[in-house]
Amino acid sequence: MSLPIIHQSTITSSFGKAISVEFCGEHHMGADHIEFIPSEPIAGVKRFFSTNGTALFNEADACFYLYDSSLIVRIHSESWTATHLADAPEIVYKKLVELRSKFYPSGRGGEKQINELTENDWKKGLGAAAEGVFPSAWSPFIDQQKHLR
């Protein structure tokens, strides 16, 4: 069973790769179930689940950023490889504030970053989202959507 899609948008890179973002409604007050669907699997994952997640495309480094309050995943749009920010949750939250403030609307359906993020400590792979589930995702929705991963 699939959840209803309330809003969907797609962000496309200059290399033709894309990530669709589906807003599937609230599971608790102010807690939105978000699904990220890449144009082709990333490290074997066809769909990512998050609570209040956001996706951005950064022209400066040709990367997509999928993030929420628990994790930041960066996907290079040409090689389609993933890295993740591997700091403690409180550090991730501080970096999210910095990341969000460095972006501005570009008019392409995504957002563009002014400066490349190079100061962060990135590690290979999807980290905690290796099976498509961000730590913040709500398990009853994940269980309903298990067949889509």
C-alpha atoms as a PDB file:
ATOM      1  CA  MET A   1       0.000   0.000   0.000  1.00  0.00           C
ATOM      2  CA  SER A   2       1.323   3.436  -0.903  1.00  0.00           C
ATOM      3  CA  LEU A   3       0.665   6.546   1.112  1.00  0.00           C
ATOM      4  CA  PRO A   4      -1.222   9.410  -0.548  1.00  0.00           C
ATOM      5  CA  ILE A   5       0.995  12.033  -2.168  1.00  0.00           C
ATOM      6  CA  ILE A   6      -0.078  15.520  -1.141  1.00  0.00           C
ATOM      7  CA  HIS A   7       2.681  17.404  -2.966  1.00  0.00           C
ATOM      8  CA  GLN A   8       5.506  16.322  -5.265  1.00  0.00           C
ATOM      9  CA  SER A   9       8.442  18.231  -6.741  1.00  0.00           C
ATOM     10  CA  THR A  10      11.476  17.154  -8.748  1.00  0.00           C
ATOM     11  CA  ILE A  11      14.991  18.563  -8.648  1.00  0.00           C
ATOM     12  CA  THR A  12      17.135  17.838 -11.726  1.00  0.00           C
ATOM     13  CA  SER A  13      20.905  18.200 -12.095  1.00  0.00           C
ATOM     14  CA  SER A  14      22.774  19.367 -15.183  1.00  0.00           C
ATOM     15  CA  PHE A  15      23.811  15.702 -15.674  1.00  0.00           C
ATOM     16  CA  GLY A  16      20.164  14.696 -16.090  1.00  0.00           C
ATOM     17  CA  LYS A  17      19.875  12.859 -12.777  1.00  0.00           C
ATOM     18  CA  ALA A  18      16.921  13.800 -10.605  1.00  0.00           C
ATOM     19  CA  ILE A  19      15.428  13.360  -7.167  1.00  0.00           C
ATOM     20  CA  SER A  20      11.686  13.602  -6.612  1.00  0.00           C
ATOM     21  CA  VAL A  21      10.473  14.779  -3.235  1.00  0.00           C
ATOM     22  CA  GLU A  22       7.060  13.570  -2.103  1.00  0.00           C
ATOM     23  CA  PHE A  23       5.206  15.101   0.832  1.00  0.00           C
ATOM     24  CA  CYS A  24       2.859  12.396   2.140  1.00  0.00           C
ATOM     25  CA  GLY A  25       1.232  14.248   5.036  1.00  0.00           C
ATOM     26  CA  GLU A  26       1.675  14.600   8.764  1.00  0.00           C
ATOM     27  CA  HIS A  27       2.048  11.637  11.059  1.00  0.00           C
ATOM     28  CA  HIS A  28       2.115  13.881  14.143  1.00  0.00           C
ATOM     29  CA  MET A  29       1.458  17.598  14.521  1.00  0.00           C
ATOM     30  CA  GLY A  30       4.147  19.373  12.491  1.00  0.00           C
ATOM     31  CA  ALA A  31       5.950  16.109  11.670  1.00  0.00           C
ATOM     32  CA  ASP A  32       5.725  15.511   7.911  1.00  0.00           C
ATOM     33  CA  HIS A  33       6.478  12.199   6.209  1.00  0.00           C
ATOM     34  CA  ILE A  34       8.815  12.951   3.284  1.00  0.00           C
ATOM     35  CA  GLU A  35      10.042  10.514   0.642  1.00  0.00           C
ATOM     36  CA  PHE A  36      13.030  11.087  -1.648  1.00  0.00           C
ATOM     37  CA  ILE A  37      12.920   9.089  -4.900  1.00  0.00           C
ATOM     38  CA  PRO A  38      16.102   9.154  -7.017  1.00  0.00           C
ATOM     39  CA  SER A  39      15.912   8.741 -10.813  1.00  0.00           C
ATOM     40  CA  GLU A  40      18.019   5.605 -10.363  1.00  0.00           C
ATOM     41  CA  PRO A  41      18.984   3.698  -7.197  1.00  0.00           C
ATOM     42  CA  ILE A  42      21.717   5.119  -4.979  1.00  0.00           C
ATOM     43  CA  ALA A  43      23.823   2.348  -3.413  1.00  0.00           C
ATOM     44  CA  GLY A  44      20.900   0.002  -4.082  1.00  0.00           C
ATOM     45  CA  VAL A  45      18.278   2.253  -2.447  1.00  0.00           C
ATOM     46  CA  LYS A  46      15.263   3.200  -4.605  1.00  0.00           C
ATOM     47  CA  ARG A  47      13.447   5.362  -2.032  1.00  0.00           C
ATOM     48  CA  PHE A  48      14.404   7.241   1.136  1.00  0.00           C
ATOM     49  CA  PHE A  49      12.084   8.010   4.067  1.00  0.00           C
ATOM     50  CA  SER A  50      12.408  10.952   6.466  1.00  0.00           C
ATOM     51  CA  THR A  51      10.472  13.133   8.865  1.00  0.00           C
ATOM     52  CA  ASN A  52      10.601  16.794   7.787  1.00  0.00           C
ATOM     53  CA  GLY A  53      13.359  16.037   5.268  1.00  0.00           C
ATOM     54  CA  THR A  54      14.562  18.460   2.619  1.00  0.00           C
ATOM     55  CA  ALA A  55      16.356  18.009  -0.710  1.00  0.00           C
ATOM     56  CA  LEU A  56      18.537  20.641  -2.354  1.00  0.00           C
ATOM     57  CA  PHE A  57      20.796  20.707  -5.407  1.00  0.00           C
ATOM     58  CA  ASN A  58      24.097  22.562  -5.156  1.00  0.00           C
ATOM     59  CA  GLU A  59      25.435  23.844  -8.500  1.00  0.00           C
ATOM     60  CA  ALA A  60      28.867  24.596  -6.977  1.00  0.00           C
ATOM     61  CA  ASP A  61      29.727  20.934  -6.365  1.00  0.00           C
ATOM     62  CA  ALA A  62      27.041  19.288  -8.574  1.00  0.00           C
ATOM     63  CA  CYS A  63      25.613  17.471  -5.562  1.00  0.00           C
ATOM     64  CA  PHE A  64      22.189  16.757  -4.178  1.00  0.00           C
ATOM     65  CA  TYR A  65      21.780  17.128  -0.422  1.00  0.00           C
ATOM     66  CA  LEU A  66      19.111  15.074   1.353  1.00  0.00           C
ATOM     67  CA  TYR A  67      18.785  16.013   4.990  1.00  0.00           C
ATOM     68  CA  ASP A  68      16.692  16.271   8.098  1.00  0.00           C
ATOM     69  CA  SER A  69      17.488  16.917  11.752  1.00  0.00           C
ATOM     70  CA  SER A  70      19.299  13.577  12.093  1.00  0.00           C
ATOM     71  CA  LEU A  71      21.470  13.156   8.989  1.00  0.00           C
ATOM     72  CA  ILE A  72      22.915  14.894   5.924  1.00  0.00           C
ATOM     73  CA  VAL A  73      23.494  12.759   2.803  1.00  0.00           C
ATOM     74  CA  ARG A  74      25.313  14.194  -0.225  1.00  0.00           C
ATOM     75  CA  ILE A  75      24.933  12.536  -3.652  1.00  0.00           C
ATOM     76  CA  HIS A  76      27.226  13.520  -6.508  1.00  0.00           C
ATOM     77  CA  SER A  77      25.013  13.968  -9.571  1.00  0.00           C
ATOM     78  CA  GLU A  78      27.583  12.729 -12.113  1.00  0.00           C
ATOM     79  CA  SER A  79      29.081   9.689 -10.345  1.00  0.00           C
ATOM     80  CA  TRP A  80      25.879   8.993  -8.341  1.00  0.00           C
ATOM     81  CA  THR A  81      27.957   8.142  -5.278  1.00  0.00           C
ATOM     82  CA  ALA A  82      26.924   9.079  -1.763  1.00  0.00           C
ATOM     83  CA  THR A  83      28.685  10.470   1.268  1.00  0.00           C
ATOM     84  CA  HIS A  84      27.220  11.422   4.616  1.00  0.00           C
ATOM     85  CA  LEU A  85      28.080  13.782   7.418  1.00  0.00           C
ATOM     86  CA  ALA A  86      29.298  11.496  10.155  1.00  0.00           C
ATOM     87  CA  ASP A  87      29.242  13.718  13.218  1.00  0.00           C
ATOM     88  CA  ALA A  88      27.242  13.442  16.423  1.00  0.00           C
ATOM     89  CA  PRO A  89      23.558  14.517  16.103  1.00  0.00           C
ATOM     90  CA  GLU A  90      24.115  17.881  17.799  1.00  0.00           C
ATOM     91  CA  ILE A  91      26.920  18.665  15.327  1.00  0.00           C
ATOM     92  CA  VAL A  92      24.657  17.631  12.421  1.00  0.00           C
ATOM     93  CA  TYR A  93      21.979  20.022  13.649  1.00  0.00           C
ATOM     94  CA  LYS A  94      24.458  22.925  13.806  1.00  0.00           C
ATOM     95  CA  LYS A  95      25.717  22.088  10.300  1.00  0.00           C
ATOM     96  CA  LEU A  96      22.125  22.013   9.016  1.00  0.00           C
ATOM     97  CA  VAL A  97      21.653  25.596  10.157  1.00  0.00           C
ATOM     98  CA  GLU A  98      24.847  26.589   8.319  1.00  0.00           C
ATOM     99  CA  LEU A  99      23.897  24.563   5.230  1.00  0.00           C
ATOM    100  CA  ARG A 100      20.407  26.029   4.958  1.00  0.00           C
ATOM    101  CA  SER A 101      21.612  29.612   5.400  1.00  0.00           C
ATOM    102  CA  LYS A 102      24.109  29.233   2.525  1.00  0.00           C
ATOM    103  CA  PHE A 103      21.417  28.362  -0.021  1.00  0.00           C
ATOM    104  CA  TYR A 104      19.191  30.715  -1.985  1.00  0.00           C
ATOM    105  CA  PRO A 105      16.469  30.091  -4.610  1.00  0.00           C
ATOM    106  CA  SER A 106      17.760  29.560  -8.141  1.00  0.00           C
ATOM    107  CA  GLY A 107      14.433  29.298  -9.968  1.00  0.00           C
ATOM    108  CA  ARG A 108      15.145  25.754 -11.223  1.00  0.00           C
ATOM    109  CA  GLY A 109      12.887  23.962  -8.776  1.00  0.00           C
ATOM    110  CA  GLY A 110      15.833  23.461  -6.461  1.00  0.00           C
ATOM    111  CA  GLU A 111      18.101  25.765  -4.580  1.00  0.00           C
ATOM    112  CA  LYS A 112      21.626  26.878  -5.320  1.00  0.00           C
ATOM    113  CA  GLN A 113      24.490  27.300  -2.916  1.00  0.00           C
ATOM    114  CA  ILE A 114      26.761  30.321  -2.955  1.00  0.00           C
ATOM    115  CA  ASN A 115      29.925  28.530  -1.788  1.00  0.00           C
ATOM    116  CA  GLU A 116      30.959  24.896  -2.002  1.00  0.00           C
ATOM    117  CA  LEU A 117      30.836  23.046   1.309  1.00  0.00           C
ATOM    118  CA  THR A 118      34.377  21.780   1.783  1.00  0.00           C
ATOM    119  CA  GLU A 119      34.965  22.143   5.520  1.00  0.00           C
ATOM    120  CA  ASN A 120      32.792  19.236   6.603  1.00  0.00           C
ATOM    121  CA  ASP A 121      33.929  15.746   7.484  1.00  0.00           C
ATOM    122  CA  TRP A 122      32.174  13.475   4.960  1.00  0.00           C
ATOM    123  CA  LYS A 123      32.351   9.663   4.972  1.00  0.00           C
ATOM    124  CA  LYS A 124      31.574   7.275   2.097  1.00  0.00           C
ATOM    125  CA  GLY A 125      28.135   5.744   1.791  1.00  0.00           C
ATOM    126  CA  LEU A 126      24.668   6.530   3.084  1.00  0.00           C
ATOM    127  CA  GLY A 127      25.488   6.117   6.768  1.00  0.00           C
ATOM    128  CA  ALA A 128      22.392   5.610   8.912  1.00  0.00           C
ATOM    129  CA  ALA A 129      20.240   5.765   5.734  1.00  0.00           C
ATOM    130  CA  ALA A 130      21.951   2.715   4.164  1.00  0.00           C
ATOM    131  CA  GLU A 131      18.569   0.976   3.875  1.00  0.00           C
ATOM    132  CA  GLY A 132      16.735   4.133   2.797  1.00  0.00           C
ATOM    133  CA  VAL A 133      15.485   5.075   6.248  1.00  0.00           C
ATOM    134  CA  PHE A 134      16.664   8.274   7.912  1.00  0.00           C
ATOM    135  CA  PRO A 135      16.786   7.934  11.740  1.00  0.00           C
ATOM    136  CA  SER A 136      13.937  10.459  12.040  1.00  0.00           C
ATOM    137  CA  ALA A 137      11.477   8.466   9.876  1.00  0.00           C
ATOM    138  CA  TRP A 138       8.261   7.249  11.517  1.00  0.00           C
ATOM    139  CA  SER A 139       8.203   3.438  11.623  1.00  0.00           C
ATOM    140  CA  PRO A 140       4.456   2.826  10.910  1.00  0.00           C
ATOM    141  CA  PHE A 141       4.815   4.634   7.556  1.00  0.00           C
ATOM    142  CA  ILE A 142       8.078   2.818   6.843  1.00  0.00           C
ATOM    143  CA  ASP A 143       6.419  -0.550   7.469  1.00  0.00           C
ATOM    144  CA  GLN A 144       3.589   0.320   5.038  1.00  0.00           C
ATOM    145  CA  GLN A 145       6.092   1.317   2.343  1.00  0.00           C
ATOM    146  CA  LYS A 146       8.645  -1.485   2.862  1.00  0.00           C
ATOM    147  CA  HIS A 147       7.978  -3.031  -0.580  1.00  0.00           C
ATOM    148  CA  LEU A 148       8.991   0.248  -2.289  1.00  0.00           C
ATOM    149  CA  ARG A 149      12.533   0.275  -0.913  1.00  0.00           C
END
